[in-house]
Amino acid sequence: MINNFRYANLITMRVKCCLPLSIVEKEAFKSFVYTLDPSFKMPTRKIIKENGVPELKDHVSIKVENLLKTIEYPNISVDGWSDDTLRSFNGYICQGIDVEWDLKVIPVAFELFKGNSKVALNL
C-alpha cells in the first residue's frame, strides 16, 4: 500500500505539480527538503521510477475502481486539448450519483493523443 512507501508524498507532489523525475537530483531541491526534514533521505530517480511511480499507480487504480463501483449509472466524458508545445491530450472523466445522492467526478484516464488534434466543424 502506498501509505507504507516512505516517498509517497514526494511522488504525489511531483505528479500533481508536473515536475520531472530529475527534481530529486537538483541541489536546490535537496537543500529545501533538508531544511524541512534533515533526516529525510532523498531517493534516486531510479528508485522513484522503478518503485514509487508503479506503487502510486496501483494505489490510485484501486481507489478509482472502488469509486466507480459506487456509481450505478456512470456517464463518461472525453475532453481533448493541447498544451503550450502543441502536444495533444485526451482526458476521460466518469461522473455519476452514488447511492447517497452525492455527485462523484472521477478522472479515469489521461493520455497523449498522437496525430493532428485539429477539429473542423462544417455547419
PDB file of N, CA and C in Angstrom:
ATOM      1  N   MET A   1       0.849  -1.184   0.000  1.00  0.00           N
ATOM      2  CA  MET A   1       0.000   0.000   0.000  1.00  0.00           C
ATOM      3  C   MET A   1       0.891   1.242   0.000  1.00  0.00           C
ATOM      4  N   ILE A   2       0.468   2.275  -0.660  1.00  0.00           N
ATOM      5  CA  ILE A   2       1.267   3.500  -0.814  1.00  0.00           C
ATOM      6  C   ILE A   2       1.590   4.150   0.525  1.00  0.00           C
ATOM      7  N   ASN A   3       0.731   3.988   1.524  1.00  0.00           N
ATOM      8  CA  ASN A   3       0.977   4.596   2.831  1.00  0.00           C
ATOM      9  C   ASN A   3       2.249   4.058   3.471  1.00  0.00           C
ATOM     10  N   ASN A   4       2.660   2.858   3.084  1.00  0.00           N
ATOM     11  CA  ASN A   4       3.869   2.263   3.639  1.00  0.00           C
ATOM     12  C   ASN A   4       5.125   2.688   2.885  1.00  0.00           C
ATOM     13  N   PHE A   5       4.970   3.347   1.779  1.00  0.00           N
ATOM     14  CA  PHE A   5       6.114   3.767   0.983  1.00  0.00           C
ATOM     15  C   PHE A   5       6.581   5.130   1.469  1.00  0.00           C
ATOM     16  N   ARG A   6       7.813   5.258   1.879  1.00  0.00           N
ATOM     17  CA  ARG A   6       8.336   6.467   2.512  1.00  0.00           C
ATOM     18  C   ARG A   6       8.266   7.702   1.613  1.00  0.00           C
ATOM     19  N   TYR A   7       8.311   7.493   0.316  1.00  0.00           N
ATOM     20  CA  TYR A   7       8.393   8.627  -0.599  1.00  0.00           C
ATOM     21  C   TYR A   7       7.049   8.972  -1.257  1.00  0.00           C
ATOM     22  N   ALA A   8       5.955   8.484  -0.718  1.00  0.00           N
ATOM     23  CA  ALA A   8       4.633   8.672  -1.328  1.00  0.00           C
ATOM     24  C   ALA A   8       4.297  10.145  -1.530  1.00  0.00           C
ATOM     25  N   ASN A   9       4.510  10.984  -0.531  1.00  0.00           N
ATOM     26  CA  ASN A   9       4.179  12.407  -0.663  1.00  0.00           C
ATOM     27  C   ASN A   9       5.063  13.106  -1.684  1.00  0.00           C
ATOM     28  N   LEU A  10       6.310  12.719  -1.747  1.00  0.00           N
ATOM     29  CA  LEU A  10       7.222  13.292  -2.732  1.00  0.00           C
ATOM     30  C   LEU A  10       6.747  12.954  -4.147  1.00  0.00           C
ATOM     31  N   ILE A  11       6.373  11.707  -4.369  1.00  0.00           N
ATOM     32  CA  ILE A  11       5.918  11.285  -5.693  1.00  0.00           C
ATOM     33  C   ILE A  11       4.599  11.950  -6.044  1.00  0.00           C
ATOM     34  N   THR A  12       3.683  12.028  -5.081  1.00  0.00           N
ATOM     35  CA  THR A  12       2.396  12.675  -5.316  1.00  0.00           C
ATOM     36  C   THR A  12       2.596  14.145  -5.674  1.00  0.00           C
ATOM     37  N   MET A  13       3.469  14.847  -4.964  1.00  0.00           N
ATOM     38  CA  MET A  13       3.761  16.247  -5.252  1.00  0.00           C
ATOM     39  C   MET A  13       4.359  16.389  -6.653  1.00  0.00           C
ATOM     40  N   ARG A  14       5.252  15.494  -7.013  1.00  0.00           N
ATOM     41  CA  ARG A  14       5.883  15.535  -8.326  1.00  0.00           C
ATOM     42  C   ARG A  14       4.854  15.372  -9.431  1.00  0.00           C
ATOM     43  N   VAL A  15       3.922  14.434  -9.254  1.00  0.00           N
ATOM     44  CA  VAL A  15       2.887  14.192 -10.266  1.00  0.00           C
ATOM     45  C   VAL A  15       1.927  15.374 -10.346  1.00  0.00           C
ATOM     46  N   LYS A  16       1.426  15.841  -9.204  1.00  0.00           N
ATOM     47  CA  LYS A  16       0.438  16.925  -9.201  1.00  0.00           C
ATOM     48  C   LYS A  16       1.017  18.241  -9.710  1.00  0.00           C
ATOM     49  N   CYS A  17       2.306  18.460  -9.524  1.00  0.00           N
ATOM     50  CA  CYS A  17       2.945  19.706  -9.975  1.00  0.00           C
ATOM     51  C   CYS A  17       3.613  19.550 -11.340  1.00  0.00           C
ATOM     52  N   CYS A  18       3.466  18.381 -11.948  1.00  0.00           N
ATOM     53  CA  CYS A  18       4.068  18.106 -13.264  1.00  0.00           C
ATOM     54  C   CYS A  18       5.573  18.360 -13.266  1.00  0.00           C
ATOM     55  N   LEU A  19       6.252  17.905 -12.237  1.00  0.00           N
ATOM     56  CA  LEU A  19       7.697  18.071 -12.139  1.00  0.00           C
ATOM     57  C   LEU A  19       8.404  16.848 -12.714  1.00  0.00           C
ATOM     58  N   PRO A  20       9.570  17.037 -13.293  1.00  0.00           N
ATOM     59  CA  PRO A  20      10.304  15.888 -13.844  1.00  0.00           C
ATOM     60  C   PRO A  20      10.904  15.040 -12.724  1.00  0.00           C
ATOM     61  N   LEU A  21      11.181  13.783 -13.037  1.00  0.00           N
ATOM     62  CA  LEU A  21      11.823  12.908 -12.054  1.00  0.00           C
ATOM     63  C   LEU A  21      13.168  13.462 -11.592  1.00  0.00           C
ATOM     64  N   SER A  22      13.815  14.204 -12.453  1.00  0.00           N
ATOM     65  CA  SER A  22      15.151  14.723 -12.139  1.00  0.00           C
ATOM     66  C   SER A  22      15.146  15.758 -11.014  1.00  0.00           C
ATOM     67  N   ILE A  23      13.979  16.201 -10.567  1.00  0.00           N
ATOM     68  CA  ILE A  23      13.907  17.198  -9.482  1.00  0.00           C
ATOM     69  C   ILE A  23      14.660  16.699  -8.243  1.00  0.00           C
ATOM     70  N   VAL A  24      14.655  15.384  -8.014  1.00  0.00           N
ATOM     71  CA  VAL A  24      15.301  14.835  -6.817  1.00  0.00           C
ATOM     72  C   VAL A  24      16.820  14.933  -6.889  1.00  0.00           C
ATOM     73  N   GLU A  25      17.366  15.262  -8.052  1.00  0.00           N
ATOM     74  CA  GLU A  25      18.809  15.382  -8.208  1.00  0.00           C
ATOM     75  C   GLU A  25      19.289  16.827  -8.173  1.00  0.00           C
ATOM     76  N   LYS A  26      18.378  17.763  -8.097  1.00  0.00           N
ATOM     77  CA  LYS A  26      18.731  19.192  -8.085  1.00  0.00           C
ATOM     78  C   LYS A  26      19.158  19.603  -6.678  1.00  0.00           C
ATOM     79  N   GLU A  27      20.317  20.254  -6.586  1.00  0.00           N
ATOM     80  CA  GLU A  27      20.846  20.655  -5.282  1.00  0.00           C
ATOM     81  C   GLU A  27      19.918  21.612  -4.535  1.00  0.00           C
ATOM     82  N   ALA A  28      19.281  22.522  -5.250  1.00  0.00           N
ATOM     83  CA  ALA A  28      18.370  23.470  -4.601  1.00  0.00           C
ATOM     84  C   ALA A  28      17.186  22.741  -3.975  1.00  0.00           C
ATOM     85  N   PHE A  29      16.655  21.743  -4.660  1.00  0.00           N
ATOM     86  CA  PHE A  29      15.526  20.976  -4.129  1.00  0.00           C
ATOM     87  C   PHE A  29      15.968  20.148  -2.931  1.00  0.00           C
ATOM     88  N   LYS A  30      17.130  19.504  -3.042  1.00  0.00           N
ATOM     89  CA  LYS A  30      17.659  18.718  -1.921  1.00  0.00           C
ATOM     90  C   LYS A  30      17.852  19.596  -0.690  1.00  0.00           C
ATOM     91  N   SER A  31      18.385  20.792  -0.894  1.00  0.00           N
ATOM     92  CA  SER A  31      18.613  21.720   0.206  1.00  0.00           C
ATOM     93  C   SER A  31      17.293  22.142   0.854  1.00  0.00           C
ATOM     94  N   PHE A  32      16.299  22.417   0.028  1.00  0.00           N
ATOM     95  CA  PHE A  32      14.985  22.798   0.538  1.00  0.00           C
ATOM     96  C   PHE A  32      14.392  21.675   1.400  1.00  0.00           C
ATOM     97  N   VAL A  33      14.435  20.448   0.897  1.00  0.00           N
ATOM     98  CA  VAL A  33      13.881  19.310   1.624  1.00  0.00           C
ATOM     99  C   VAL A  33      14.660  19.083   2.921  1.00  0.00           C
ATOM    100  N   TYR A  34      15.968  19.229   2.864  1.00  0.00           N
ATOM    101  CA  TYR A  34      16.802  19.066   4.059  1.00  0.00           C
ATOM    102  C   TYR A  34      16.420  20.082   5.132  1.00  0.00           C
ATOM    103  N   THR A  35      16.085  21.305   4.707  1.00  0.00           N
ATOM    104  CA  THR A  35      15.662  22.338   5.651  1.00  0.00           C
ATOM    105  C   THR A  35      14.373  21.920   6.364  1.00  0.00           C
ATOM    106  N   LEU A  36      13.487  21.265   5.645  1.00  0.00           N
ATOM    107  CA  LEU A  36      12.220  20.818   6.230  1.00  0.00           C
ATOM    108  C   LEU A  36      12.396  19.605   7.137  1.00  0.00           C
ATOM    109  N   ASP A  37      13.238  18.675   6.697  1.00  0.00           N
ATOM    110  CA  ASP A  37      13.445  17.440   7.463  1.00  0.00           C
ATOM    111  C   ASP A  37      14.851  16.914   7.211  1.00  0.00           C
ATOM    112  N   PRO A  38      15.792  17.250   8.101  1.00  0.00           N
ATOM    113  CA  PRO A  38      17.184  16.815   7.904  1.00  0.00           C
ATOM    114  C   PRO A  38      17.363  15.296   7.877  1.00  0.00           C
ATOM    115  N   SER A  39      16.401  14.543   8.419  1.00  0.00           N
ATOM    116  CA  SER A  39      16.548  13.083   8.436  1.00  0.00           C
ATOM    117  C   SER A  39      16.035  12.417   7.163  1.00  0.00           C
ATOM    118  N   PHE A  40      15.408  13.189   6.271  1.00  0.00           N
ATOM    119  CA  PHE A  40      14.853  12.624   5.042  1.00  0.00           C
ATOM    120  C   PHE A  40      15.979  12.267   4.087  1.00  0.00           C
ATOM    121  N   LYS A  41      15.992  11.024   3.635  1.00  0.00           N
ATOM    122  CA  LYS A  41      16.996  10.580   2.665  1.00  0.00           C
ATOM    123  C   LYS A  41      16.355  10.657   1.285  1.00  0.00           C
ATOM    124  N   MET A  42      16.882  11.536   0.460  1.00  0.00           N
ATOM    125  CA  MET A  42      16.333  11.760  -0.867  1.00  0.00           C
ATOM    126  C   MET A  42      16.516  10.509  -1.719  1.00  0.00           C
ATOM    127  N   PRO A  43      15.428  10.007  -2.327  1.00  0.00           N
ATOM    128  CA  PRO A  43      15.552   8.836  -3.190  1.00  0.00           C
ATOM    129  C   PRO A  43      16.183   9.226  -4.526  1.00  0.00           C
ATOM    130  N   THR A  44      16.704   8.250  -5.193  1.00  0.00           N
ATOM    131  CA  THR A  44      17.245   8.494  -6.535  1.00  0.00           C
ATOM    132  C   THR A  44      16.093   8.480  -7.548  1.00  0.00           C
ATOM    133  N   ARG A  45      16.386   8.983  -8.706  1.00  0.00           N
ATOM    134  CA  ARG A  45      15.409   8.959  -9.800  1.00  0.00           C
ATOM    135  C   ARG A  45      15.005   7.512 -10.107  1.00  0.00           C
ATOM    136  N   LYS A  46      15.968   6.600 -10.049  1.00  0.00           N
ATOM    137  CA  LYS A  46      15.718   5.187 -10.338  1.00  0.00           C
ATOM    138  C   LYS A  46      14.744   4.577  -9.327  1.00  0.00           C
ATOM    139  N   ILE A  47      14.907   4.876  -8.056  1.00  0.00           N
ATOM    140  CA  ILE A  47      14.004   4.347  -7.022  1.00  0.00           C
ATOM    141  C   ILE A  47      12.583   4.846  -7.248  1.00  0.00           C
ATOM    142  N   ILE A  48      12.453   6.130  -7.561  1.00  0.00           N
ATOM    143  CA  ILE A  48      11.121   6.688  -7.802  1.00  0.00           C
ATOM    144  C   ILE A  48      10.490   6.034  -9.025  1.00  0.00           C
ATOM    145  N   LYS A  49      11.261   5.923 -10.091  1.00  0.00           N
ATOM    146  CA  LYS A  49      10.732   5.373 -11.351  1.00  0.00           C
ATOM    147  C   LYS A  49      10.367   3.900 -11.217  1.00  0.00           C
ATOM    148  N   GLU A  50      11.219   3.112 -10.584  1.00  0.00           N
ATOM    149  CA  GLU A  50      11.009   1.671 -10.525  1.00  0.00           C
ATOM    150  C   GLU A  50      10.096   1.219  -9.392  1.00  0.00           C
ATOM    151  N   ASN A  51      10.071   1.962  -8.284  1.00  0.00           N
ATOM    152  CA  ASN A  51       9.275   1.532  -7.127  1.00  0.00           C
ATOM    153  C   ASN A  51       8.092   2.450  -6.857  1.00  0.00           C
ATOM    154  N   GLY A  52       8.380   3.734  -6.727  1.00  0.00           N
ATOM    155  CA  GLY A  52       7.360   4.677  -6.281  1.00  0.00           C
ATOM    156  C   GLY A  52       6.240   4.918  -7.268  1.00  0.00           C
ATOM    157  N   VAL A  53       6.572   5.196  -8.517  1.00  0.00           N
ATOM    158  CA  VAL A  53       5.538   5.512  -9.512  1.00  0.00           C
ATOM    159  C   VAL A  53       4.618   4.314  -9.752  1.00  0.00           C
ATOM    160  N   PRO A  54       5.140   3.103  -9.959  1.00  0.00           N
ATOM    161  CA  PRO A  54       4.223   1.965 -10.134  1.00  0.00           C
ATOM    162  C   PRO A  54       3.344   1.715  -8.900  1.00  0.00           C
ATOM    163  N   GLU A  55       3.915   1.907  -7.719  1.00  0.00           N
ATOM    164  CA  GLU A  55       3.140   1.698  -6.492  1.00  0.00           C
ATOM    165  C   GLU A  55       2.027   2.736  -6.373  1.00  0.00           C
ATOM    166  N   LEU A  56       2.335   3.982  -6.692  1.00  0.00           N
ATOM    167  CA  LEU A  56       1.318   5.035  -6.655  1.00  0.00           C
ATOM    168  C   LEU A  56       0.239   4.761  -7.700  1.00  0.00           C
ATOM    169  N   LYS A  57       0.649   4.318  -8.886  1.00  0.00           N
ATOM    170  CA  LYS A  57      -0.311   3.998  -9.944  1.00  0.00           C
ATOM    171  C   LYS A  57      -1.252   2.883  -9.491  1.00  0.00           C
ATOM    172  N   ASP A  58      -0.722   1.840  -8.869  1.00  0.00           N
ATOM    173  CA  ASP A  58      -1.553   0.744  -8.370  1.00  0.00           C
ATOM    174  C   ASP A  58      -2.530   1.243  -7.314  1.00  0.00           C
ATOM    175  N   HIS A  59      -2.044   2.083  -6.419  1.00  0.00           N
ATOM    176  CA  HIS A  59      -2.884   2.635  -5.345  1.00  0.00           C
ATOM    177  C   HIS A  59      -4.029   3.465  -5.928  1.00  0.00           C
ATOM    178  N   VAL A  60      -3.719   4.319  -6.874  1.00  0.00           N
ATOM    179  CA  VAL A  60      -4.742   5.172  -7.496  1.00  0.00           C
ATOM    180  C   VAL A  60      -5.727   4.326  -8.291  1.00  0.00           C
ATOM    181  N   SER A  61      -5.241   3.313  -8.987  1.00  0.00           N
ATOM    182  CA  SER A  61      -6.128   2.436  -9.770  1.00  0.00           C
ATOM    183  C   SER A  61      -7.147   1.740  -8.873  1.00  0.00           C
ATOM    184  N   ILE A  62      -6.714   1.261  -7.732  1.00  0.00           N
ATOM    185  CA  ILE A  62      -7.623   0.605  -6.782  1.00  0.00           C
ATOM    186  C   ILE A  62      -8.650   1.603  -6.256  1.00  0.00           C
ATOM    187  N   LYS A  63      -8.189   2.807  -5.948  1.00  0.00           N
ATOM    188  CA  LYS A  63      -9.084   3.852  -5.456  1.00  0.00           C
ATOM    189  C   LYS A  63     -10.149   4.202  -6.507  1.00  0.00           C
ATOM    190  N   VAL A  64      -9.729   4.385  -7.758  1.00  0.00           N
ATOM    191  CA  VAL A  64     -10.653   4.707  -8.851  1.00  0.00           C
ATOM    192  C   VAL A  64     -11.638   3.553  -9.048  1.00  0.00           C
ATOM    193  N   GLU A  65     -11.135   2.340  -9.055  1.00  0.00           N
ATOM    194  CA  GLU A  65     -12.010   1.177  -9.237  1.00  0.00           C
ATOM    195  C   GLU A  65     -13.083   1.116  -8.147  1.00  0.00           C
ATOM    196  N   ASN A  66     -12.704   1.356  -6.906  1.00  0.00           N
ATOM    197  CA  ASN A  66     -13.667   1.342  -5.799  1.00  0.00           C
ATOM    198  C   ASN A  66     -14.686   2.465  -5.926  1.00  0.00           C
ATOM    199  N   LEU A  67     -14.252   3.644  -6.362  1.00  0.00           N
ATOM    200  CA  LEU A  67     -15.190   4.755  -6.568  1.00  0.00           C
ATOM    201  C   LEU A  67     -16.169   4.452  -7.696  1.00  0.00           C
ATOM    202  N   LEU A  68     -15.671   3.846  -8.779  1.00  0.00           N
ATOM    203  CA  LEU A  68     -16.531   3.514  -9.905  1.00  0.00           C
ATOM    204  C   LEU A  68     -17.635   2.533  -9.506  1.00  0.00           C
ATOM    205  N   LYS A  69     -17.336   1.671  -8.560  1.00  0.00           N
ATOM    206  CA  LYS A  69     -18.332   0.698  -8.095  1.00  0.00           C
ATOM    207  C   LYS A  69     -19.497   1.363  -7.360  1.00  0.00           C
ATOM    208  N   THR A  70     -19.313   2.596  -6.886  1.00  0.00           N
ATOM    209  CA  THR A  70     -20.372   3.275  -6.135  1.00  0.00           C
ATOM    210  C   THR A  70     -21.374   3.975  -7.047  1.00  0.00           C
ATOM    211  N   ILE A  71     -21.095   4.025  -8.355  1.00  0.00           N
ATOM    212  CA  ILE A  71     -21.965   4.721  -9.305  1.00  0.00           C
ATOM    213  C   ILE A  71     -22.727   3.679 -10.127  1.00  0.00           C
ATOM    214  N   GLU A  72     -24.051   3.668  -9.992  1.00  0.00           N
ATOM    215  CA  GLU A  72     -24.851   2.684 -10.716  1.00  0.00           C
ATOM    216  C   GLU A  72     -24.975   3.011 -12.205  1.00  0.00           C
ATOM    217  N   TYR A  73     -25.151   4.292 -12.541  1.00  0.00           N
ATOM    218  CA  TYR A  73     -25.314   4.712 -13.933  1.00  0.00           C
ATOM    219  C   TYR A  73     -24.249   5.750 -14.279  1.00  0.00           C
ATOM    220  N   PRO A  74     -23.062   5.290 -14.645  1.00  0.00           N
ATOM    221  CA  PRO A  74     -21.970   6.239 -14.927  1.00  0.00           C
ATOM    222  C   PRO A  74     -22.127   6.942 -16.275  1.00  0.00           C
ATOM    223  N   ASN A  75     -21.582   8.137 -16.351  1.00  0.00           N
ATOM    224  CA  ASN A  75     -21.523   8.917 -17.583  1.00  0.00           C
ATOM    225  C   ASN A  75     -20.046   9.199 -17.857  1.00  0.00           C
ATOM    226  N   ILE A  76     -19.590   8.854 -19.039  1.00  0.00           N
ATOM    227  CA  ILE A  76     -18.183   9.068 -19.389  1.00  0.00           C
ATOM    228  C   ILE A  76     -18.075  10.284 -20.312  1.00  0.00           C
ATOM    229  N   SER A  77     -17.175  11.205 -19.975  1.00  0.00           N
ATOM    230  CA  SER A  77     -16.912  12.385 -20.799  1.00  0.00           C
ATOM    231  C   SER A  77     -15.475  12.325 -21.296  1.00  0.00           C
ATOM    232  N   VAL A  78     -15.268  12.815 -22.510  1.00  0.00           N
ATOM    233  CA  VAL A  78     -13.930  12.884 -23.086  1.00  0.00           C
ATOM    234  C   VAL A  78     -13.647  14.342 -23.412  1.00  0.00           C
ATOM    235  N   ASP A  79     -12.461  14.799 -23.072  1.00  0.00           N
ATOM    236  CA  ASP A  79     -12.066  16.170 -23.368  1.00  0.00           C
ATOM    237  C   ASP A  79     -10.695  16.123 -24.025  1.00  0.00           C
ATOM    238  N   GLY A  80     -10.509  16.920 -25.042  1.00  0.00           N
ATOM    239  CA  GLY A  80      -9.213  16.988 -25.708  1.00  0.00           C
ATOM    240  C   GLY A  80      -8.693  18.415 -25.702  1.00  0.00           C
ATOM    241  N   TRP A  81      -7.393  18.577 -25.583  1.00  0.00           N
ATOM    242  CA  TRP A  81      -6.780  19.895 -25.568  1.00  0.00           C
ATOM    243  C   TRP A  81      -5.308  19.783 -25.935  1.00  0.00           C
ATOM    244  N   SER A  82      -4.681  20.929 -26.159  1.00  0.00           N
ATOM    245  CA  SER A  82      -3.247  20.994 -26.475  1.00  0.00           C
ATOM    246  C   SER A  82      -2.548  21.871 -25.453  1.00  0.00           C
ATOM    247  N   ASP A  83      -1.288  21.540 -25.153  1.00  0.00           N
ATOM    248  CA  ASP A  83      -0.514  22.377 -24.241  1.00  0.00           C
ATOM    249  C   ASP A  83       0.249  23.435 -25.038  1.00  0.00           C
ATOM    250  N   ASP A  84       1.118  24.178 -24.362  1.00  0.00           N
ATOM    251  CA  ASP A  84       1.870  25.258 -25.000  1.00  0.00           C
ATOM    252  C   ASP A  84       2.806  24.770 -26.108  1.00  0.00           C
ATOM    253  N   THR A  85       3.222  23.509 -26.031  1.00  0.00           N
ATOM    254  CA  THR A  85       4.125  22.970 -27.052  1.00  0.00           C
ATOM    255  C   THR A  85       3.361  22.252 -28.162  1.00  0.00           C
ATOM    256  N   LEU A  86       2.045  22.415 -28.177  1.00  0.00           N
ATOM    257  CA  LEU A  86       1.138  21.846 -29.179  1.00  0.00           C
ATOM    258  C   LEU A  86       1.056  20.319 -29.142  1.00  0.00           C
ATOM    259  N   ARG A  87       1.368  19.736 -27.984  1.00  0.00           N
ATOM    260  CA  ARG A  87       1.097  18.314 -27.788  1.00  0.00           C
ATOM    261  C   ARG A  87      -0.384  18.197 -27.458  1.00  0.00           C
ATOM    262  N   SER A  88      -1.022  17.170 -27.986  1.00  0.00           N
ATOM    263  CA  SER A  88      -2.460  16.996 -27.773  1.00  0.00           C
ATOM    264  C   SER A  88      -2.717  15.905 -26.736  1.00  0.00           C
ATOM    265  N   PHE A  89      -3.763  16.093 -25.950  1.00  0.00           N
ATOM    266  CA  PHE A  89      -4.109  15.155 -24.887  1.00  0.00           C
ATOM    267  C   PHE A  89      -5.600  14.849 -24.903  1.00  0.00           C
ATOM    268  N   ASN A  90      -5.946  13.673 -24.421  1.00  0.00           N
ATOM    269  CA  ASN A  90      -7.325  13.301 -24.154  1.00  0.00           C
ATOM    270  C   ASN A  90      -7.445  13.000 -22.669  1.00  0.00           C
ATOM    271  N   GLY A  91      -8.524  13.461 -22.074  1.00  0.00           N
ATOM    272  CA  GLY A  91      -8.822  13.146 -20.692  1.00  0.00           C
ATOM    273  C   GLY A  91     -10.194  12.489 -20.626  1.00  0.00           C
ATOM    274  N   TYR A  92     -10.328  11.462 -19.804  1.00  0.00           N
ATOM    275  CA  TYR A  92     -11.585  10.737 -19.656  1.00  0.00           C
ATOM    276  C   TYR A  92     -12.051  10.871 -18.211  1.00  0.00           C
ATOM    277  N   ILE A  93     -13.300  11.285 -18.042  1.00  0.00           N
ATOM    278  CA  ILE A  93     -13.854  11.508 -16.711  1.00  0.00           C
ATOM    279  C   ILE A  93     -15.165  10.744 -16.593  1.00  0.00           C
ATOM    280  N   CYS A  94     -15.340  10.073 -15.477  1.00  0.00           N
ATOM    281  CA  CYS A  94     -16.595   9.392 -15.181  1.00  0.00           C
ATOM    282  C   CYS A  94     -17.338  10.236 -14.151  1.00  0.00           C
ATOM    283  N   GLN A  95     -18.616  10.465 -14.409  1.00  0.00           N
ATOM    284  CA  GLN A  95     -19.444  11.216 -13.479  1.00  0.00           C
ATOM    285  C   GLN A  95     -20.701  10.412 -13.178  1.00  0.00           C
ATOM    286  N   GLY A  96     -21.217  10.590 -11.988  1.00  0.00           N
ATOM    287  CA  GLY A  96     -22.455   9.914 -11.633  1.00  0.00           C
ATOM    288  C   GLY A  96     -22.835  10.229 -10.203  1.00  0.00           C
ATOM    289  N   ILE A  97     -24.001   9.778  -9.841  1.00  0.00           N
ATOM    290  CA  ILE A  97     -24.507   9.989  -8.483  1.00  0.00           C
ATOM    291  C   ILE A  97     -24.461   8.649  -7.760  1.00  0.00           C
ATOM    292  N   ASP A  98     -23.874   8.660  -6.560  1.00  0.00           N
ATOM    293  CA  ASP A  98     -23.771   7.412  -5.806  1.00  0.00           C
ATOM    294  C   ASP A  98     -25.080   7.145  -5.047  1.00  0.00           C
ATOM    295  N   VAL A  99     -25.103   6.074  -4.268  1.00  0.00           N
ATOM    296  CA  VAL A  99     -26.326   5.674  -3.557  1.00  0.00           C
ATOM    297  C   VAL A  99     -26.773   6.689  -2.513  1.00  0.00           C
ATOM    298  N   GLU A 100     -25.875   7.554  -2.093  1.00  0.00           N
ATOM    299  CA  GLU A 100     -26.228   8.593  -1.115  1.00  0.00           C
ATOM    300  C   GLU A 100     -26.525   9.927  -1.785  1.00  0.00           C
ATOM    301  N   TRP A 101     -26.690   9.913  -3.117  1.00  0.00           N
ATOM    302  CA  TRP A 101     -27.027  11.083  -3.916  1.00  0.00           C
ATOM    303  C   TRP A 101     -25.926  12.141  -3.907  1.00  0.00           C
ATOM    304  N   ASP A 102     -24.699  11.693  -3.784  1.00  0.00           N
ATOM    305  CA  ASP A 102     -23.549  12.595  -3.890  1.00  0.00           C
ATOM    306  C   ASP A 102     -22.986  12.489  -5.305  1.00  0.00           C
ATOM    307  N   LEU A 103     -22.712  13.634  -5.917  1.00  0.00           N
ATOM    308  CA  LEU A 103     -22.102  13.651  -7.244  1.00  0.00           C
ATOM    309  C   LEU A 103     -20.643  13.229  -7.129  1.00  0.00           C
ATOM    310  N   LYS A 104     -20.247  12.287  -7.938  1.00  0.00           N
ATOM    311  CA  LYS A 104     -18.867  11.825  -7.999  1.00  0.00           C
ATOM    312  C   LYS A 104     -18.299  12.175  -9.366  1.00  0.00           C
ATOM    313  N   VAL A 105     -17.139  12.804  -9.371  1.00  0.00           N
ATOM    314  CA  VAL A 105     -16.423  13.106 -10.609  1.00  0.00           C
ATOM    315  C   VAL A 105     -15.063  12.427 -10.480  1.00  0.00           C
ATOM    316  N   ILE A 106     -14.821  11.437 -11.334  1.00  0.00           N
ATOM    317  CA  ILE A 106     -13.635  10.593 -11.197  1.00  0.00           C
ATOM    318  C   ILE A 106     -12.798  10.658 -12.472  1.00  0.00           C
ATOM    319  N   PRO A 107     -11.577  11.215 -12.395  1.00  0.00           N
ATOM    320  CA  PRO A 107     -10.692  11.156 -13.563  1.00  0.00           C
ATOM    321  C   PRO A 107     -10.285   9.702 -13.788  1.00  0.00           C
ATOM    322  N   VAL A 108     -10.572   9.178 -14.968  1.00  0.00           N
ATOM    323  CA  VAL A 108     -10.323   7.771 -15.243  1.00  0.00           C
ATOM    324  C   VAL A 108      -9.025   7.558 -16.017  1.00  0.00           C
ATOM    325  N   ALA A 109      -8.762   8.421 -16.999  1.00  0.00           N
ATOM    326  CA  ALA A 109      -7.554   8.251 -17.810  1.00  0.00           C
ATOM    327  C   ALA A 109      -7.137   9.589 -18.405  1.00  0.00           C
ATOM    328  N   PHE A 110      -5.864   9.678 -18.698  1.00  0.00           N
ATOM    329  CA  PHE A 110      -5.263  10.860 -19.305  1.00  0.00           C
ATOM    330  C   PHE A 110      -4.181  10.345 -20.224  1.00  0.00           C
ATOM    331  N   GLU A 111      -4.264  10.701 -21.493  1.00  0.00           N
ATOM    332  CA  GLU A 111      -3.272  10.153 -22.415  1.00  0.00           C
ATOM    333  C   GLU A 111      -2.858  11.163 -23.477  1.00  0.00           C
ATOM    334  N   LEU A 112      -1.636  10.975 -23.937  1.00  0.00           N
ATOM    335  CA  LEU A 112      -1.120  11.770 -25.048  1.00  0.00           C
ATOM    336  C   LEU A 112      -1.805  11.287 -26.310  1.00  0.00           C
ATOM    337  N   PHE A 113      -2.324  12.219 -27.085  1.00  0.00           N
ATOM    338  CA  PHE A 113      -3.037  11.904 -28.319  1.00  0.00           C
ATOM    339  C   PHE A 113      -2.076  12.093 -29.474  1.00  0.00           C
ATOM    340  N   LYS A 114      -1.837  11.054 -30.224  1.00  0.00           N
ATOM    341  CA  LYS A 114      -0.911  11.150 -31.353  1.00  0.00           C
ATOM    342  C   LYS A 114      -1.682  11.516 -32.613  1.00  0.00           C
ATOM    343  N   GLY A 115      -1.092  12.353 -33.408  1.00  0.00           N
ATOM    344  CA  GLY A 115      -1.731  12.778 -34.631  1.00  0.00           C
ATOM    345  C   GLY A 115      -2.216  14.216 -34.535  1.00  0.00           C
ATOM    346  N   ASN A 116      -2.951  14.636 -35.514  1.00  0.00           N
ATOM    347  CA  ASN A 116      -3.442  16.008 -35.594  1.00  0.00           C
ATOM    348  C   ASN A 116      -4.671  16.182 -34.703  1.00  0.00           C
ATOM    349  N   SER A 117      -4.657  17.198 -33.849  1.00  0.00           N
ATOM    350  CA  SER A 117      -5.767  17.407 -32.925  1.00  0.00           C
ATOM    351  C   SER A 117      -6.752  18.451 -33.420  1.00  0.00           C
ATOM    352  N   LYS A 118      -6.528  18.962 -34.631  1.00  0.00           N
ATOM    353  CA  LYS A 118      -7.429  19.994 -35.150  1.00  0.00           C
ATOM    354  C   LYS A 118      -8.781  19.378 -35.499  1.00  0.00           C
ATOM    355  N   VAL A 119      -9.821  20.053 -35.078  1.00  0.00           N
ATOM    356  CA  VAL A 119     -11.174  19.607 -35.359  1.00  0.00           C
ATOM    357  C   VAL A 119     -11.874  20.703 -36.143  1.00  0.00           C
ATOM    358  N   ALA A 120     -12.458  20.356 -37.255  1.00  0.00           N
ATOM    359  CA  ALA A 120     -13.167  21.334 -38.069  1.00  0.00           C
ATOM    360  C   ALA A 120     -14.651  21.021 -38.026  1.00  0.00           C
ATOM    361  N   LEU A 121     -15.441  22.040 -37.777  1.00  0.00           N
ATOM    362  CA  LEU A 121     -16.884  21.890 -37.782  1.00  0.00           C
ATOM    363  C   LEU A 121     -17.437  22.477 -39.065  1.00  0.00           C
ATOM    364  N   ASN A 122     -18.139  21.684 -39.804  1.00  0.00           N
ATOM    365  CA  ASN A 122     -18.782  22.162 -41.023  1.00  0.00           C
ATOM    366  C   ASN A 122     -20.272  22.304 -40.745  1.00  0.00           C
ATOM    367  N   LEU A 123     -20.685  23.524 -40.487  1.00  0.00           N
ATOM    368  CA  LEU A 123     -22.095  23.751 -40.169  1.00  0.00           C
ATOM    369  C   LEU A 123     -22.844  24.265 -41.366  1.00  0.00           C
TER     370      LEU A 123
END
